[in-house]
Amino acid sequence: MPNHRSIKAFLLMTAIVVMTIATQGQNRTTSRIPTVTFCELTSHPEKYVNKLVRTEANYIVWWESSYLYGDRCIDDDHKISNSSDCAEDDQDCENKFGIEWKKLESCMRTKKGSDTQRVKAVFTGRLEGPGRYGHLDGFQYEFRIVSVGKVKAIPDSVSWKGL
């Protein structure tokens, strides 16, 4: 008859195997989502419309608007609106998105003398457009965000010019 140590060891090994298999499945699902540079996404949007992609971008927000932009393609043609990838009446989705969005808070940096904030993050979502999106319909495309990955602060030494 097996003793208690043998049973505990067996249960521990079983748990490790199950967790390893589950993690491998998650990694395969995550790795199937293509990673695209933000400049590629905004330079050739027709290739990515309605496709789930991962991109690193800067998010800027102030009292009346927000948008995503890249470090290397900062002109207005490469700025895109952002929103959640939730249907208007899907409160469960909006609640989950709110949890994702909170990941940005700890790294947000505020421009001196204003309420404007920015942060860099890896976003997973789908590009929608062309159309009219964002504040005053000022953007041709919108990135519908599903999840927020790695987040980091934009150093205070990085210029706000052109934003």
C-alpha atoms as a PDB file:
ATOM      1  CA  MET A   1       0.000   0.000   0.000  1.00  0.00           C
ATOM      2  CA  PRO A   2       1.470   3.403  -0.952  1.00  0.00           C
ATOM      3  CA  ASN A   3       2.386   5.773   1.834  1.00  0.00           C
ATOM      4  CA  HIS A   4       1.354   9.433   2.111  1.00  0.00           C
ATOM      5  CA  ARG A   5       4.695  10.688   0.739  1.00  0.00           C
ATOM      6  CA  SER A   6       4.302   8.616  -2.411  1.00  0.00           C
ATOM      7  CA  ILE A   7       0.773   9.913  -2.962  1.00  0.00           C
ATOM      8  CA  LYS A   8       1.865  13.537  -2.412  1.00  0.00           C
ATOM      9  CA  ALA A   9       4.801  13.101  -4.790  1.00  0.00           C
ATOM     10  CA  PHE A  10       2.518  11.544  -7.418  1.00  0.00           C
ATOM     11  CA  LEU A  11      -0.030  14.383  -7.085  1.00  0.00           C
ATOM     12  CA  LEU A  12       2.711  17.012  -7.298  1.00  0.00           C
ATOM     13  CA  MET A  13       4.197  15.449 -10.438  1.00  0.00           C
ATOM     14  CA  THR A  14       0.743  15.176 -12.016  1.00  0.00           C
ATOM     15  CA  ALA A  15       0.050  18.857 -11.298  1.00  0.00           C
ATOM     16  CA  ILE A  16       3.388  19.871 -12.842  1.00  0.00           C
ATOM     17  CA  VAL A  17       2.699  17.843 -15.996  1.00  0.00           C
ATOM     18  CA  VAL A  18      -0.816  19.308 -16.358  1.00  0.00           C
ATOM     19  CA  MET A  19       0.449  22.879 -15.856  1.00  0.00           C
ATOM     20  CA  THR A  20       3.255  22.336 -18.382  1.00  0.00           C
ATOM     21  CA  ILE A  21       0.828  21.042 -21.013  1.00  0.00           C
ATOM     22  CA  ALA A  22      -1.568  23.955 -20.391  1.00  0.00           C
ATOM     23  CA  THR A  23       1.259  26.498 -20.660  1.00  0.00           C
ATOM     24  CA  GLN A  24       2.494  24.957 -23.916  1.00  0.00           C
ATOM     25  CA  GLY A  25      -1.024  25.252 -25.348  1.00  0.00           C
ATOM     26  CA  GLN A  26      -1.206  28.928 -24.362  1.00  0.00           C
ATOM     27  CA  ASN A  27       2.207  29.630 -25.892  1.00  0.00           C
ATOM     28  CA  ARG A  28       1.157  28.027 -29.182  1.00  0.00           C
ATOM     29  CA  THR A  29      -2.007  30.143 -29.300  1.00  0.00           C
ATOM     30  CA  THR A  30      -0.070  33.335 -28.485  1.00  0.00           C
ATOM     31  CA  SER A  31       2.659  32.558 -31.012  1.00  0.00           C
ATOM     32  CA  ARG A  32       0.080  32.194 -33.815  1.00  0.00           C
ATOM     33  CA  ILE A  33      -0.735  35.904 -33.553  1.00  0.00           C
ATOM     34  CA  PRO A  34       1.690  37.709 -35.867  1.00  0.00           C
ATOM     35  CA  THR A  35       3.811  40.512 -34.450  1.00  0.00           C
ATOM     36  CA  VAL A  36       3.955  43.535 -36.736  1.00  0.00           C
ATOM     37  CA  THR A  37       5.894  46.754 -36.227  1.00  0.00           C
ATOM     38  CA  PHE A  38       3.632  49.737 -35.738  1.00  0.00           C
ATOM     39  CA  CYS A  39       5.147  51.502 -38.770  1.00  0.00           C
ATOM     40  CA  GLU A  40       4.424  48.424 -40.927  1.00  0.00           C
ATOM     41  CA  LEU A  41       0.871  48.260 -39.584  1.00  0.00           C
ATOM     42  CA  THR A  42       0.191  51.917 -40.380  1.00  0.00           C
ATOM     43  CA  SER A  43       2.150  52.047 -43.653  1.00  0.00           C
ATOM     44  CA  HIS A  44       0.313  49.042 -45.148  1.00  0.00           C
ATOM     45  CA  PRO A  45      -2.981  48.901 -43.240  1.00  0.00           C
ATOM     46  CA  GLU A  46      -4.794  47.081 -46.044  1.00  0.00           C
ATOM     47  CA  LYS A  47      -2.707  43.974 -45.220  1.00  0.00           C
ATOM     48  CA  TYR A  48      -3.900  43.925 -41.596  1.00  0.00           C
ATOM     49  CA  VAL A  49      -7.521  45.099 -41.585  1.00  0.00           C
ATOM     50  CA  ASN A  50      -9.703  42.720 -39.528  1.00  0.00           C
ATOM     51  CA  LYS A  51      -6.727  40.485 -38.664  1.00  0.00           C
ATOM     52  CA  LEU A  52      -5.583  39.855 -35.121  1.00  0.00           C
ATOM     53  CA  VAL A  53      -2.026  41.206 -34.716  1.00  0.00           C
ATOM     54  CA  ARG A  54       0.379  42.188 -31.976  1.00  0.00           C
ATOM     55  CA  THR A  55       2.255  45.502 -32.121  1.00  0.00           C
ATOM     56  CA  GLU A  56       4.292  47.722 -29.843  1.00  0.00           C
ATOM     57  CA  ALA A  57       3.033  51.302 -29.825  1.00  0.00           C
ATOM     58  CA  ASN A  58       2.852  54.422 -27.731  1.00  0.00           C
ATOM     59  CA  TYR A  59      -0.512  55.405 -26.300  1.00  0.00           C
ATOM     60  CA  ILE A  60      -1.242  59.079 -25.628  1.00  0.00           C
ATOM     61  CA  VAL A  61      -4.352  60.396 -23.892  1.00  0.00           C
ATOM     62  CA  TRP A  62      -5.737  63.711 -22.714  1.00  0.00           C
ATOM     63  CA  TRP A  63      -9.152  65.023 -21.712  1.00  0.00           C
ATOM     64  CA  GLU A  64     -10.745  64.862 -25.170  1.00  0.00           C
ATOM     65  CA  SER A  65      -8.881  62.259 -27.182  1.00  0.00           C
ATOM     66  CA  SER A  66      -6.372  59.421 -27.372  1.00  0.00           C
ATOM     67  CA  TYR A  67      -4.469  57.587 -30.080  1.00  0.00           C
ATOM     68  CA  LEU A  68      -1.598  55.208 -30.818  1.00  0.00           C
ATOM     69  CA  TYR A  69       1.650  56.238 -32.500  1.00  0.00           C
ATOM     70  CA  GLY A  70       5.082  54.784 -33.182  1.00  0.00           C
ATOM     71  CA  ASP A  71       8.592  55.918 -32.297  1.00  0.00           C
ATOM     72  CA  ARG A  72       9.834  55.813 -35.890  1.00  0.00           C
ATOM     73  CA  CYS A  73       6.706  56.962 -37.737  1.00  0.00           C
ATOM     74  CA  ILE A  74       5.317  59.837 -35.753  1.00  0.00           C
ATOM     75  CA  ASP A  75       3.609  61.887 -38.486  1.00  0.00           C
ATOM     76  CA  ASP A  76      -0.184  62.259 -38.564  1.00  0.00           C
ATOM     77  CA  ASP A  77      -0.588  59.614 -41.308  1.00  0.00           C
ATOM     78  CA  HIS A  78       0.726  56.970 -38.905  1.00  0.00           C
ATOM     79  CA  LYS A  79      -1.356  57.889 -35.861  1.00  0.00           C
ATOM     80  CA  ILE A  80      -4.437  55.725 -35.327  1.00  0.00           C
ATOM     81  CA  SER A  81      -7.420  55.813 -33.040  1.00  0.00           C
ATOM     82  CA  ASN A  82      -7.818  53.114 -30.399  1.00  0.00           C
ATOM     83  CA  SER A  83     -10.699  51.411 -28.626  1.00  0.00           C
ATOM     84  CA  SER A  84     -11.681  48.102 -27.105  1.00  0.00           C
ATOM     85  CA  ASP A  85     -12.669  45.225 -29.372  1.00  0.00           C
ATOM     86  CA  CYS A  86     -16.029  44.914 -27.616  1.00  0.00           C
ATOM     87  CA  ALA A  87     -19.536  45.218 -28.974  1.00  0.00           C
ATOM     88  CA  GLU A  88     -21.345  48.279 -27.617  1.00  0.00           C
ATOM     89  CA  ASP A  89     -23.671  46.214 -25.422  1.00  0.00           C
ATOM     90  CA  ASP A  90     -21.115  43.627 -24.214  1.00  0.00           C
ATOM     91  CA  GLN A  91     -20.535  44.672 -20.608  1.00  0.00           C
ATOM     92  CA  ASP A  92     -18.604  41.489 -19.776  1.00  0.00           C
ATOM     93  CA  CYS A  93     -16.118  42.256 -22.561  1.00  0.00           C
ATOM     94  CA  GLU A  94     -15.815  45.890 -21.413  1.00  0.00           C
ATOM     95  CA  ASN A  95     -15.131  44.748 -17.842  1.00  0.00           C
ATOM     96  CA  LYS A  96     -12.357  42.403 -19.046  1.00  0.00           C
ATOM     97  CA  PHE A  97     -10.966  45.193 -21.217  1.00  0.00           C
ATOM     98  CA  GLY A  98     -10.928  47.517 -18.192  1.00  0.00           C
ATOM     99  CA  ILE A  99      -8.705  45.020 -16.394  1.00  0.00           C
ATOM    100  CA  GLU A 100      -6.352  44.900 -19.394  1.00  0.00           C
ATOM    101  CA  TRP A 101      -6.295  48.699 -19.621  1.00  0.00           C
ATOM    102  CA  LYS A 102      -5.324  49.074 -15.943  1.00  0.00           C
ATOM    103  CA  LYS A 103      -1.970  47.500 -16.835  1.00  0.00           C
ATOM    104  CA  LEU A 104      -0.989  50.854 -18.400  1.00  0.00           C
ATOM    105  CA  GLU A 105      -1.546  52.955 -15.282  1.00  0.00           C
ATOM    106  CA  SER A 106       1.663  52.257 -13.373  1.00  0.00           C
ATOM    107  CA  CYS A 107       3.849  53.365 -16.288  1.00  0.00           C
ATOM    108  CA  MET A 108       1.879  56.413 -17.479  1.00  0.00           C
ATOM    109  CA  ARG A 109       3.913  59.630 -17.607  1.00  0.00           C
ATOM    110  CA  THR A 110       2.330  63.086 -17.573  1.00  0.00           C
ATOM    111  CA  LYS A 111       3.497  66.044 -19.627  1.00  0.00           C
ATOM    112  CA  LYS A 112       4.477  68.901 -17.335  1.00  0.00           C
ATOM    113  CA  GLY A 113       1.779  71.534 -17.035  1.00  0.00           C
ATOM    114  CA  SER A 114      -1.002  69.469 -18.648  1.00  0.00           C
ATOM    115  CA  ASP A 115      -3.199  66.421 -18.218  1.00  0.00           C
ATOM    116  CA  THR A 116      -1.664  64.658 -21.245  1.00  0.00           C
ATOM    117  CA  GLN A 117      -0.259  61.196 -20.480  1.00  0.00           C
ATOM    118  CA  ARG A 118       1.607  58.582 -22.498  1.00  0.00           C
ATOM    119  CA  VAL A 119       2.972  55.060 -22.180  1.00  0.00           C
ATOM    120  CA  LYS A 120       4.539  52.355 -24.390  1.00  0.00           C
ATOM    121  CA  ALA A 121       2.988  48.889 -24.546  1.00  0.00           C
ATOM    122  CA  VAL A 122       2.509  45.786 -26.623  1.00  0.00           C
ATOM    123  CA  PHE A 123      -1.095  45.689 -27.802  1.00  0.00           C
ATOM    124  CA  THR A 124      -2.940  42.775 -29.375  1.00  0.00           C
ATOM    125  CA  GLY A 125      -5.965  43.659 -31.456  1.00  0.00           C
ATOM    126  CA  ARG A 126      -7.467  44.171 -34.884  1.00  0.00           C
ATOM    127  CA  LEU A 127      -7.166  47.076 -37.257  1.00  0.00           C
ATOM    128  CA  GLU A 128     -10.421  48.484 -38.592  1.00  0.00           C
ATOM    129  CA  GLY A 129     -10.866  50.888 -41.501  1.00  0.00           C
ATOM    130  CA  PRO A 130     -10.548  52.850 -43.571  1.00  0.00           C
ATOM    131  CA  GLY A 131     -13.265  55.051 -42.150  1.00  0.00           C
ATOM    132  CA  ARG A 132     -13.722  57.878 -39.690  1.00  0.00           C
ATOM    133  CA  TYR A 133     -12.620  57.168 -36.140  1.00  0.00           C
ATOM    134  CA  GLY A 134     -11.692  58.938 -32.945  1.00  0.00           C
ATOM    135  CA  HIS A 135     -12.069  62.534 -31.876  1.00  0.00           C
ATOM    136  CA  LEU A 136     -13.788  64.619 -34.583  1.00  0.00           C
ATOM    137  CA  ASP A 137     -13.423  61.629 -36.947  1.00  0.00           C
ATOM    138  CA  GLY A 138      -9.750  62.574 -37.198  1.00  0.00           C
ATOM    139  CA  PHE A 139      -8.326  59.123 -37.953  1.00  0.00           C
ATOM    140  CA  GLN A 140      -8.707  56.784 -40.948  1.00  0.00           C
ATOM    141  CA  TYR A 141      -8.048  53.633 -38.912  1.00  0.00           C
ATOM    142  CA  GLU A 142      -8.776  52.314 -35.455  1.00  0.00           C
ATOM    143  CA  PHE A 143      -6.934  49.615 -33.532  1.00  0.00           C
ATOM    144  CA  ARG A 144      -9.471  47.547 -31.572  1.00  0.00           C
ATOM    145  CA  ILE A 145      -7.504  46.313 -28.578  1.00  0.00           C
ATOM    146  CA  VAL A 146      -8.083  42.840 -27.126  1.00  0.00           C
ATOM    147  CA  SER A 147      -5.195  42.695 -24.663  1.00  0.00           C
ATOM    148  CA  VAL A 148      -2.268  44.643 -23.278  1.00  0.00           C
ATOM    149  CA  GLY A 149       1.107  42.926 -22.985  1.00  0.00           C
ATOM    150  CA  LYS A 150       4.446  44.294 -21.850  1.00  0.00           C
ATOM    151  CA  VAL A 151       4.145  47.886 -20.600  1.00  0.00           C
ATOM    152  CA  LYS A 152       6.943  50.374 -20.005  1.00  0.00           C
ATOM    153  CA  ALA A 153       7.249  54.027 -19.213  1.00  0.00           C
ATOM    154  CA  ILE A 154       8.409  56.446 -21.877  1.00  0.00           C
ATOM    155  CA  PRO A 155      11.357  58.285 -20.299  1.00  0.00           C
ATOM    156  CA  ASP A 156      10.792  61.940 -19.421  1.00  0.00           C
ATOM    157  CA  SER A 157      13.760  62.780 -21.671  1.00  0.00           C
ATOM    158  CA  VAL A 158      11.802  61.715 -24.796  1.00  0.00           C
ATOM    159  CA  SER A 159      10.373  64.766 -26.556  1.00  0.00           C
ATOM    160  CA  TRP A 160       6.636  65.464 -26.707  1.00  0.00           C
ATOM    161  CA  LYS A 161       7.115  67.478 -29.923  1.00  0.00           C
ATOM    162  CA  GLY A 162       4.810  66.471 -32.757  1.00  0.00           C
ATOM    163  CA  LEU A 163       2.344  64.692 -30.534  1.00  0.00           C
END
